[in-house]
Amino acid sequence: MRLLALLFGQRIAKTVASMTAAMRQLGDGRFDVAIPGVGRKDELGEMAAAVEKFKLRARERAQAELEAKAGQDLLLPSSVRLISLGSPANSKPP
């Protein structure tokens, strides 16, 4: 019985340690990390599902931010040119 408890405890500890490592990678912005424990039918599976949901939302948010920044970068050069060409400081007197 003790051996069974020890093996079960080690399995839980290994899953938690793996999940912790995956969460650290998520914190570093790595959204391609696989979350261990997804699909389990216990509390660890529920935690893994929550972390997976967090990962997907964080990836969507990061993608939206990149797209917004790319859109601003496309607009910025022409806006800057229009401002610099139309400003009185750059105009020659008639």
PDB file of N, CA and C in Angstrom:
ATOM      1  N   MET A   1       0.824  -1.187   0.000  1.00  0.00           N
ATOM      2  CA  MET A   1       0.000   0.000   0.000  1.00  0.00           C
ATOM      3  C   MET A   1       0.876   1.261   0.000  1.00  0.00           C
ATOM      4  N   ARG A   2       1.942   1.251   0.772  1.00  0.00           N
ATOM      5  CA  ARG A   2       2.837   2.415   0.801  1.00  0.00           C
ATOM      6  C   ARG A   2       3.489   2.644  -0.547  1.00  0.00           C
ATOM      7  N   LEU A   3       3.849   1.554  -1.208  1.00  0.00           N
ATOM      8  CA  LEU A   3       4.472   1.665  -2.526  1.00  0.00           C
ATOM      9  C   LEU A   3       3.505   2.301  -3.521  1.00  0.00           C
ATOM     10  N   LEU A   4       2.247   1.902  -3.458  1.00  0.00           N
ATOM     11  CA  LEU A   4       1.238   2.475  -4.336  1.00  0.00           C
ATOM     12  C   LEU A   4       1.076   3.971  -4.063  1.00  0.00           C
ATOM     13  N   ALA A   5       1.029   4.340  -2.812  1.00  0.00           N
ATOM     14  CA  ALA A   5       0.907   5.756  -2.454  1.00  0.00           C
ATOM     15  C   ALA A   5       2.130   6.542  -2.918  1.00  0.00           C
ATOM     16  N   LEU A   6       3.299   5.965  -2.767  1.00  0.00           N
ATOM     17  CA  LEU A   6       4.524   6.620  -3.200  1.00  0.00           C
ATOM     18  C   LEU A   6       4.533   6.832  -4.716  1.00  0.00           C
ATOM     19  N   LEU A   7       4.160   5.796  -5.456  1.00  0.00           N
ATOM     20  CA  LEU A   7       4.117   5.903  -6.919  1.00  0.00           C
ATOM     21  C   LEU A   7       3.081   6.926  -7.376  1.00  0.00           C
ATOM     22  N   PHE A   8       1.930   6.910  -6.732  1.00  0.00           N
ATOM     23  CA  PHE A   8       0.877   7.863  -7.074  1.00  0.00           C
ATOM     24  C   PHE A   8       1.333   9.291  -6.777  1.00  0.00           C
ATOM     25  N   GLY A   9       1.958   9.489  -5.630  1.00  0.00           N
ATOM     26  CA  GLY A   9       2.461  10.807  -5.255  1.00  0.00           C
ATOM     27  C   GLY A   9       3.531  11.307  -6.214  1.00  0.00           C
ATOM     28  N   GLN A  10       4.402  10.410  -6.645  1.00  0.00           N
ATOM     29  CA  GLN A  10       5.447  10.794  -7.602  1.00  0.00           C
ATOM     30  C   GLN A  10       4.845  11.184  -8.943  1.00  0.00           C
ATOM     31  N   ARG A  11       3.827  10.485  -9.343  1.00  0.00           N
ATOM     32  CA  ARG A  11       3.163  10.808 -10.617  1.00  0.00           C
ATOM     33  C   ARG A  11       2.527  12.192 -10.559  1.00  0.00           C
ATOM     34  N   ILE A  12       1.878  12.494  -9.449  1.00  0.00           N
ATOM     35  CA  ILE A  12       1.267  13.817  -9.275  1.00  0.00           C
ATOM     36  C   ILE A  12       2.348  14.894  -9.263  1.00  0.00           C
ATOM     37  N   ALA A  13       3.405  14.645  -8.510  1.00  0.00           N
ATOM     38  CA  ALA A  13       4.494  15.625  -8.419  1.00  0.00           C
ATOM     39  C   ALA A  13       5.132  15.863  -9.782  1.00  0.00           C
ATOM     40  N   LYS A  14       5.291  14.817 -10.558  1.00  0.00           N
ATOM     41  CA  LYS A  14       5.888  14.956 -11.891  1.00  0.00           C
ATOM     42  C   LYS A  14       4.983  15.798 -12.792  1.00  0.00           C
ATOM     43  N   THR A  15       3.679  15.543 -12.732  1.00  0.00           N
ATOM     44  CA  THR A  15       2.734  16.307 -13.542  1.00  0.00           C
ATOM     45  C   THR A  15       2.735  17.777 -13.142  1.00  0.00           C
ATOM     46  N   VAL A  16       2.745  18.044 -11.844  1.00  0.00           N
ATOM     47  CA  VAL A  16       2.767  19.432 -11.365  1.00  0.00           C
ATOM     48  C   VAL A  16       4.068  20.123 -11.785  1.00  0.00           C
ATOM     49  N   ALA A  17       5.183  19.425 -11.675  1.00  0.00           N
ATOM     50  CA  ALA A  17       6.469  20.011 -12.083  1.00  0.00           C
ATOM     51  C   ALA A  17       6.481  20.292 -13.583  1.00  0.00           C
ATOM     52  N   SER A  18       5.941  19.393 -14.371  1.00  0.00           N
ATOM     53  CA  SER A  18       5.871  19.607 -15.823  1.00  0.00           C
ATOM     54  C   SER A  18       4.960  20.770 -16.170  1.00  0.00           C
ATOM     55  N   MET A  19       3.845  20.864 -15.461  1.00  0.00           N
ATOM     56  CA  MET A  19       2.916  21.964 -15.693  1.00  0.00           C
ATOM     57  C   MET A  19       3.559  23.295 -15.308  1.00  0.00           C
ATOM     58  N   THR A  20       4.317  23.298 -14.221  1.00  0.00           N
ATOM     59  CA  THR A  20       5.017  24.508 -13.792  1.00  0.00           C
ATOM     60  C   THR A  20       6.022  24.951 -14.847  1.00  0.00           C
ATOM     61  N   ALA A  21       6.754  24.018 -15.401  1.00  0.00           N
ATOM     62  CA  ALA A  21       7.719  24.345 -16.455  1.00  0.00           C
ATOM     63  C   ALA A  21       7.005  24.916 -17.678  1.00  0.00           C
ATOM     64  N   ALA A  22       5.874  24.328 -18.043  1.00  0.00           N
ATOM     65  CA  ALA A  22       5.109  24.828 -19.191  1.00  0.00           C
ATOM     66  C   ALA A  22       4.581  26.234 -18.919  1.00  0.00           C
ATOM     67  N   MET A  23       4.137  26.492 -17.705  1.00  0.00           N
ATOM     68  CA  MET A  23       3.627  27.817 -17.351  1.00  0.00           C
ATOM     69  C   MET A  23       4.744  28.857 -17.384  1.00  0.00           C
ATOM     70  N   ARG A  24       5.942  28.472 -16.998  1.00  0.00           N
ATOM     71  CA  ARG A  24       7.082  29.392 -17.098  1.00  0.00           C
ATOM     72  C   ARG A  24       7.358  29.740 -18.558  1.00  0.00           C
ATOM     73  N   GLN A  25       7.266  28.744 -19.431  1.00  0.00           N
ATOM     74  CA  GLN A  25       7.472  29.002 -20.854  1.00  0.00           C
ATOM     75  C   GLN A  25       6.389  29.932 -21.396  1.00  0.00           C
ATOM     76  N   LEU A  26       5.158  29.747 -20.940  1.00  0.00           N
ATOM     77  CA  LEU A  26       4.085  30.664 -21.327  1.00  0.00           C
ATOM     78  C   LEU A  26       4.394  32.080 -20.865  1.00  0.00           C
ATOM     79  N   GLY A  27       4.906  32.187 -19.660  1.00  0.00           N
ATOM     80  CA  GLY A  27       5.281  33.495 -19.126  1.00  0.00           C
ATOM     81  C   GLY A  27       6.357  34.168 -19.954  1.00  0.00           C
ATOM     82  N   ASP A  28       7.172  33.367 -20.626  1.00  0.00           N
ATOM     83  CA  ASP A  28       8.215  33.899 -21.502  1.00  0.00           C
ATOM     84  C   ASP A  28       7.695  34.169 -22.913  1.00  0.00           C
ATOM     85  N   GLY A  29       6.390  33.947 -23.131  1.00  0.00           N
ATOM     86  CA  GLY A  29       5.804  34.230 -24.436  1.00  0.00           C
ATOM     87  C   GLY A  29       5.859  33.094 -25.428  1.00  0.00           C
ATOM     88  N   ARG A  30       6.186  31.904 -24.970  1.00  0.00           N
ATOM     89  CA  ARG A  30       6.223  30.738 -25.864  1.00  0.00           C
ATOM     90  C   ARG A  30       4.848  30.070 -25.848  1.00  0.00           C
ATOM     91  N   PHE A  31       4.086  30.297 -26.899  1.00  0.00           N
ATOM     92  CA  PHE A  31       2.721  29.783 -26.953  1.00  0.00           C
ATOM     93  C   PHE A  31       2.624  28.424 -27.629  1.00  0.00           C
ATOM     94  N   ASP A  32       3.751  27.881 -28.069  1.00  0.00           N
ATOM     95  CA  ASP A  32       3.752  26.572 -28.717  1.00  0.00           C
ATOM     96  C   ASP A  32       3.941  25.431 -27.724  1.00  0.00           C
ATOM     97  N   VAL A  33       4.047  25.755 -26.455  1.00  0.00           N
ATOM     98  CA  VAL A  33       4.298  24.745 -25.437  1.00  0.00           C
ATOM     99  C   VAL A  33       3.058  23.867 -25.239  1.00  0.00           C
ATOM    100  N   ALA A  34       3.286  22.568 -25.092  1.00  0.00           N
ATOM    101  CA  ALA A  34       2.199  21.631 -24.792  1.00  0.00           C
ATOM    102  C   ALA A  34       1.979  21.605 -23.280  1.00  0.00           C
ATOM    103  N   ILE A  35       0.745  21.726 -22.880  1.00  0.00           N
ATOM    104  CA  ILE A  35       0.406  21.724 -21.459  1.00  0.00           C
ATOM    105  C   ILE A  35       0.185  20.280 -21.020  1.00  0.00           C
ATOM    106  N   PRO A  36       1.028  19.785 -20.111  1.00  0.00           N
ATOM    107  CA  PRO A  36       0.859  18.409 -19.645  1.00  0.00           C
ATOM    108  C   PRO A  36      -0.392  18.274 -18.776  1.00  0.00           C
ATOM    109  N   GLY A  37      -1.039  17.141 -18.888  1.00  0.00           N
ATOM    110  CA  GLY A  37      -2.199  16.867 -18.049  1.00  0.00           C
ATOM    111  C   GLY A  37      -3.524  17.185 -18.709  1.00  0.00           C
ATOM    112  N   VAL A  38      -3.505  17.821 -19.894  1.00  0.00           N
ATOM    113  CA  VAL A  38      -4.764  18.102 -20.584  1.00  0.00           C
ATOM    114  C   VAL A  38      -5.412  16.774 -20.942  1.00  0.00           C
ATOM    115  N   GLY A  39      -6.677  16.652 -20.632  1.00  0.00           N
ATOM    116  CA  GLY A  39      -7.387  15.408 -20.917  1.00  0.00           C
ATOM    117  C   GLY A  39      -7.533  14.495 -19.713  1.00  0.00           C
ATOM    118  N   ARG A  40      -6.786  14.799 -18.641  1.00  0.00           N
ATOM    119  CA  ARG A  40      -6.953  14.002 -17.420  1.00  0.00           C
ATOM    120  C   ARG A  40      -8.326  14.275 -16.839  1.00  0.00           C
ATOM    121  N   LYS A  41      -8.854  13.317 -16.124  1.00  0.00           N
ATOM    122  CA  LYS A  41     -10.199  13.425 -15.546  1.00  0.00           C
ATOM    123  C   LYS A  41     -10.158  13.703 -14.048  1.00  0.00           C
ATOM    124  N   ASP A  42      -9.122  14.412 -13.599  1.00  0.00           N
ATOM    125  CA  ASP A  42      -9.007  14.730 -12.178  1.00  0.00           C
ATOM    126  C   ASP A  42      -8.717  16.222 -12.019  1.00  0.00           C
ATOM    127  N   GLU A  43      -8.375  16.615 -10.816  1.00  0.00           N
ATOM    128  CA  GLU A  43      -8.103  18.029 -10.536  1.00  0.00           C
ATOM    129  C   GLU A  43      -6.927  18.559 -11.359  1.00  0.00           C
ATOM    130  N   LEU A  44      -5.920  17.723 -11.578  1.00  0.00           N
ATOM    131  CA  LEU A  44      -4.788  18.149 -12.397  1.00  0.00           C
ATOM    132  C   LEU A  44      -5.228  18.392 -13.842  1.00  0.00           C
ATOM    133  N   GLY A  45      -6.149  17.596 -14.320  1.00  0.00           N
ATOM    134  CA  GLY A  45      -6.698  17.798 -15.649  1.00  0.00           C
ATOM    135  C   GLY A  45      -7.473  19.103 -15.743  1.00  0.00           C
ATOM    136  N   GLU A  46      -8.197  19.444 -14.675  1.00  0.00           N
ATOM    137  CA  GLU A  46      -8.922  20.711 -14.651  1.00  0.00           C
ATOM    138  C   GLU A  46      -7.950  21.886 -14.650  1.00  0.00           C
ATOM    139  N   MET A  47      -6.875  21.764 -13.877  1.00  0.00           N
ATOM    140  CA  MET A  47      -5.851  22.817 -13.878  1.00  0.00           C
ATOM    141  C   MET A  47      -5.218  22.938 -15.255  1.00  0.00           C
ATOM    142  N   ALA A  48      -4.905  21.822 -15.866  1.00  0.00           N
ATOM    143  CA  ALA A  48      -4.277  21.839 -17.184  1.00  0.00           C
ATOM    144  C   ALA A  48      -5.212  22.473 -18.217  1.00  0.00           C
ATOM    145  N   ALA A  49      -6.494  22.163 -18.134  1.00  0.00           N
ATOM    146  CA  ALA A  49      -7.462  22.759 -19.058  1.00  0.00           C
ATOM    147  C   ALA A  49      -7.538  24.271 -18.867  1.00  0.00           C
ATOM    148  N   ALA A  50      -7.474  24.729 -17.626  1.00  0.00           N
ATOM    149  CA  ALA A  50      -7.492  26.162 -17.353  1.00  0.00           C
ATOM    150  C   ALA A  50      -6.246  26.842 -17.909  1.00  0.00           C
ATOM    151  N   VAL A  51      -5.095  26.203 -17.754  1.00  0.00           N
ATOM    152  CA  VAL A  51      -3.845  26.762 -18.285  1.00  0.00           C
ATOM    153  C   VAL A  51      -3.887  26.769 -19.814  1.00  0.00           C
ATOM    154  N   GLU A  52      -4.437  25.733 -20.411  1.00  0.00           N
ATOM    155  CA  GLU A  52      -4.579  25.675 -21.880  1.00  0.00           C
ATOM    156  C   GLU A  52      -5.465  26.813 -22.376  1.00  0.00           C
ATOM    157  N   LYS A  53      -6.550  27.068 -21.677  1.00  0.00           N
ATOM    158  CA  LYS A  53      -7.448  28.173 -22.041  1.00  0.00           C
ATOM    159  C   LYS A  53      -6.709  29.508 -21.921  1.00  0.00           C
ATOM    160  N   PHE A  54      -5.956  29.676 -20.849  1.00  0.00           N
ATOM    161  CA  PHE A  54      -5.149  30.880 -20.666  1.00  0.00           C
ATOM    162  C   PHE A  54      -4.164  31.040 -21.818  1.00  0.00           C
ATOM    163  N   LYS A  55      -3.520  29.936 -22.205  1.00  0.00           N
ATOM    164  CA  LYS A  55      -2.536  29.958 -23.292  1.00  0.00           C
ATOM    165  C   LYS A  55      -3.183  30.421 -24.595  1.00  0.00           C
ATOM    166  N   LEU A  56      -4.340  29.866 -24.914  1.00  0.00           N
ATOM    167  CA  LEU A  56      -5.017  30.225 -26.157  1.00  0.00           C
ATOM    168  C   LEU A  56      -5.429  31.696 -26.166  1.00  0.00           C
ATOM    169  N   ARG A  57      -5.953  32.179 -25.048  1.00  0.00           N
ATOM    170  CA  ARG A  57      -6.346  33.595 -24.968  1.00  0.00           C
ATOM    171  C   ARG A  57      -5.135  34.510 -25.039  1.00  0.00           C
ATOM    172  N   ALA A  58      -4.056  34.134 -24.386  1.00  0.00           N
ATOM    173  CA  ALA A  58      -2.828  34.939 -24.425  1.00  0.00           C
ATOM    174  C   ALA A  58      -2.263  34.983 -25.839  1.00  0.00           C
ATOM    175  N   ARG A  59      -2.318  33.853 -26.531  1.00  0.00           N
ATOM    176  CA  ARG A  59      -1.835  33.810 -27.921  1.00  0.00           C
ATOM    177  C   ARG A  59      -2.694  34.713 -28.807  1.00  0.00           C
ATOM    178  N   GLU A  60      -4.020  34.665 -28.631  1.00  0.00           N
ATOM    179  CA  GLU A  60      -4.914  35.526 -29.411  1.00  0.00           C
ATOM    180  C   GLU A  60      -4.628  37.001 -29.136  1.00  0.00           C
ATOM    181  N   ARG A  61      -4.425  37.331 -27.867  1.00  0.00           N
ATOM    182  CA  ARG A  61      -4.144  38.723 -27.497  1.00  0.00           C
ATOM    183  C   ARG A  61      -2.820  39.185 -28.104  1.00  0.00           C
ATOM    184  N   ALA A  62      -1.802  38.346 -28.034  1.00  0.00           N
ATOM    185  CA  ALA A  62      -0.500  38.701 -28.601  1.00  0.00           C
ATOM    186  C   ALA A  62      -0.598  38.869 -30.114  1.00  0.00           C
ATOM    187  N   GLN A  63      -1.354  37.996 -30.769  1.00  0.00           N
ATOM    188  CA  GLN A  63      -1.530  38.103 -32.221  1.00  0.00           C
ATOM    189  C   GLN A  63      -2.255  39.399 -32.583  1.00  0.00           C
ATOM    190  N   ALA A  64      -3.292  39.741 -31.823  1.00  0.00           N
ATOM    191  CA  ALA A  64      -4.026  40.980 -32.086  1.00  0.00           C
ATOM    192  C   ALA A  64      -3.121  42.192 -31.896  1.00  0.00           C
ATOM    193  N   GLU A  65      -2.284  42.160 -30.876  1.00  0.00           N
ATOM    194  CA  GLU A  65      -1.346  43.269 -30.655  1.00  0.00           C
ATOM    195  C   GLU A  65      -0.354  43.398 -31.801  1.00  0.00           C
ATOM    196  N   LEU A  66       0.143  42.264 -32.288  1.00  0.00           N
ATOM    197  CA  LEU A  66       1.069  42.289 -33.433  1.00  0.00           C
ATOM    198  C   LEU A  66       0.392  42.852 -34.679  1.00  0.00           C
ATOM    199  N   GLU A  67      -0.838  42.433 -34.926  1.00  0.00           N
ATOM    200  CA  GLU A  67      -1.563  42.927 -36.097  1.00  0.00           C
ATOM    201  C   GLU A  67      -1.843  44.419 -35.980  1.00  0.00           C
ATOM    202  N   ALA A  68      -2.195  44.881 -34.783  1.00  0.00           N
ATOM    203  CA  ALA A  68      -2.439  46.310 -34.585  1.00  0.00           C
ATOM    204  C   ALA A  68      -1.163  47.111 -34.787  1.00  0.00           C
ATOM    205  N   LYS A  69      -0.055  46.594 -34.281  1.00  0.00           N
ATOM    206  CA  LYS A  69       1.223  47.276 -34.446  1.00  0.00           C
ATOM    207  C   LYS A  69       1.632  47.302 -35.911  1.00  0.00           C
ATOM    208  N   ALA A  70       1.426  46.196 -36.611  1.00  0.00           N
ATOM    209  CA  ALA A  70       1.763  46.147 -38.037  1.00  0.00           C
ATOM    210  C   ALA A  70       0.913  47.155 -38.809  1.00  0.00           C
ATOM    211  N   GLY A  71      -0.348  47.283 -38.448  1.00  0.00           N
ATOM    212  CA  GLY A  71      -1.219  48.264 -39.092  1.00  0.00           C
ATOM    213  C   GLY A  71      -0.752  49.683 -38.830  1.00  0.00           C
ATOM    214  N   GLN A  72      -0.311  49.954 -37.625  1.00  0.00           N
ATOM    215  CA  GLN A  72       0.210  51.283 -37.300  1.00  0.00           C
ATOM    216  C   GLN A  72       1.497  51.558 -38.054  1.00  0.00           C
ATOM    217  N   ASP A  73       2.354  50.555 -38.169  1.00  0.00           N
ATOM    218  CA  ASP A  73       3.616  50.719 -38.887  1.00  0.00           C
ATOM    219  C   ASP A  73       3.372  51.018 -40.358  1.00  0.00           C
ATOM    220  N   LEU A  74       2.332  50.438 -40.932  1.00  0.00           N
ATOM    221  CA  LEU A  74       2.015  50.703 -42.335  1.00  0.00           C
ATOM    222  C   LEU A  74       1.501  52.127 -42.525  1.00  0.00           C
ATOM    223  N   LEU A  75       0.767  52.622 -41.546  1.00  0.00           N
ATOM    224  CA  LEU A  75       0.198  53.966 -41.655  1.00  0.00           C
ATOM    225  C   LEU A  75       1.187  55.053 -41.262  1.00  0.00           C
ATOM    226  N   LEU A  76       2.072  54.757 -40.357  1.00  0.00           N
ATOM    227  CA  LEU A  76       2.952  55.781 -39.809  1.00  0.00           C
ATOM    228  C   LEU A  76       3.858  56.451 -40.836  1.00  0.00           C
ATOM    229  N   PRO A  77       4.553  55.732 -41.695  1.00  0.00           N
ATOM    230  CA  PRO A  77       5.461  56.423 -42.621  1.00  0.00           C
ATOM    231  C   PRO A  77       4.753  57.435 -43.503  1.00  0.00           C
ATOM    232  N   SER A  78       3.582  57.116 -44.060  1.00  0.00           N
ATOM    233  CA  SER A  78       2.902  58.072 -44.922  1.00  0.00           C
ATOM    234  C   SER A  78       2.385  59.244 -44.104  1.00  0.00           C
ATOM    235  N   SER A  79       1.948  59.018 -42.898  1.00  0.00           N
ATOM    236  CA  SER A  79       1.486  60.109 -42.045  1.00  0.00           C
ATOM    237  C   SER A  79       2.631  61.044 -41.720  1.00  0.00           C
ATOM    238  N   VAL A  80       3.775  60.468 -41.416  1.00  0.00           N
ATOM    239  CA  VAL A  80       4.938  61.292 -41.101  1.00  0.00           C
ATOM    240  C   VAL A  80       5.332  62.111 -42.312  1.00  0.00           C
ATOM    241  N   ARG A  81       5.292  61.490 -43.508  1.00  0.00           N
ATOM    242  CA  ARG A  81       5.640  62.217 -44.730  1.00  0.00           C
ATOM    243  C   ARG A  81       4.672  63.359 -44.974  1.00  0.00           C
ATOM    244  N   LEU A  82       3.392  63.128 -44.776  1.00  0.00           N
ATOM    245  CA  LEU A  82       2.411  64.179 -45.005  1.00  0.00           C
ATOM    246  C   LEU A  82       2.616  65.339 -44.046  1.00  0.00           C
ATOM    247  N   ILE A  83       2.909  65.037 -42.819  1.00  0.00           N
ATOM    248  CA  ILE A  83       3.137  66.090 -41.833  1.00  0.00           C
ATOM    249  C   ILE A  83       4.394  66.869 -42.180  1.00  0.00           C
ATOM    250  N   SER A  84       5.465  66.169 -42.524  1.00  0.00           N
ATOM    251  CA  SER A  84       6.722  66.866 -42.782  1.00  0.00           C
ATOM    252  C   SER A  84       6.655  67.666 -44.083  1.00  0.00           C
ATOM    253  N   LEU A  85       5.933  67.196 -45.094  1.00  0.00           N
ATOM    254  CA  LEU A  85       5.827  67.932 -46.348  1.00  0.00           C
ATOM    255  C   LEU A  85       4.902  69.132 -46.230  1.00  0.00           C
ATOM    256  N   GLY A  86       3.904  69.025 -45.402  1.00  0.00           N
ATOM    257  CA  GLY A  86       2.915  70.086 -45.291  1.00  0.00           C
ATOM    258  C   GLY A  86       3.187  71.079 -44.195  1.00  0.00           C
ATOM    259  N   SER A  87       4.236  70.906 -43.432  1.00  0.00           N
ATOM    260  CA  SER A  87       4.470  71.819 -42.310  1.00  0.00           C
ATOM    261  C   SER A  87       5.105  73.107 -42.793  1.00  0.00           C
ATOM    262  N   PRO A  88       4.777  74.241 -42.173  1.00  0.00           N
ATOM    263  CA  PRO A  88       5.343  75.526 -42.563  1.00  0.00           C
ATOM    264  C   PRO A  88       6.864  75.572 -42.397  1.00  0.00           C
ATOM    265  N   ALA A  89       7.402  74.820 -41.497  1.00  0.00           N
ATOM    266  CA  ALA A  89       8.857  74.840 -41.274  1.00  0.00           C
ATOM    267  C   ALA A  89       9.620  74.347 -42.496  1.00  0.00           C
ATOM    268  N   ASN A  90       9.007  73.474 -43.289  1.00  0.00           N
ATOM    269  CA  ASN A  90       9.671  72.923 -44.453  1.00  0.00           C
ATOM    270  C   ASN A  90       9.329  73.692 -45.738  1.00  0.00           C
ATOM    271  N   SER A  91       8.457  74.709 -45.631  1.00  0.00           N
ATOM    272  CA  SER A  91       8.032  75.453 -46.810  1.00  0.00           C
ATOM    273  C   SER A  91       9.013  76.582 -47.090  1.00  0.00           C
ATOM    274  N   LYS A  92       9.192  76.852 -48.380  1.00  0.00           N
ATOM    275  CA  LYS A  92      10.028  78.001 -48.786  1.00  0.00           C
ATOM    276  C   LYS A  92       9.116  79.197 -48.975  1.00  0.00           C
ATOM    277  N   PRO A  93       9.608  80.384 -48.654  1.00  0.00           N
ATOM    278  CA  PRO A  93       8.745  81.573 -48.849  1.00  0.00           C
ATOM    279  C   PRO A  93       8.511  81.800 -50.342  1.00  0.00           C
ATOM    280  N   PRO A  94       7.335  82.345 -50.687  1.00  0.00           N
ATOM    281  CA  PRO A  94       6.999  82.552 -52.116  1.00  0.00           C
ATOM    282  C   PRO A  94       7.828  83.606 -52.790  1.00  0.00           C
TER     283      PRO A  94
END
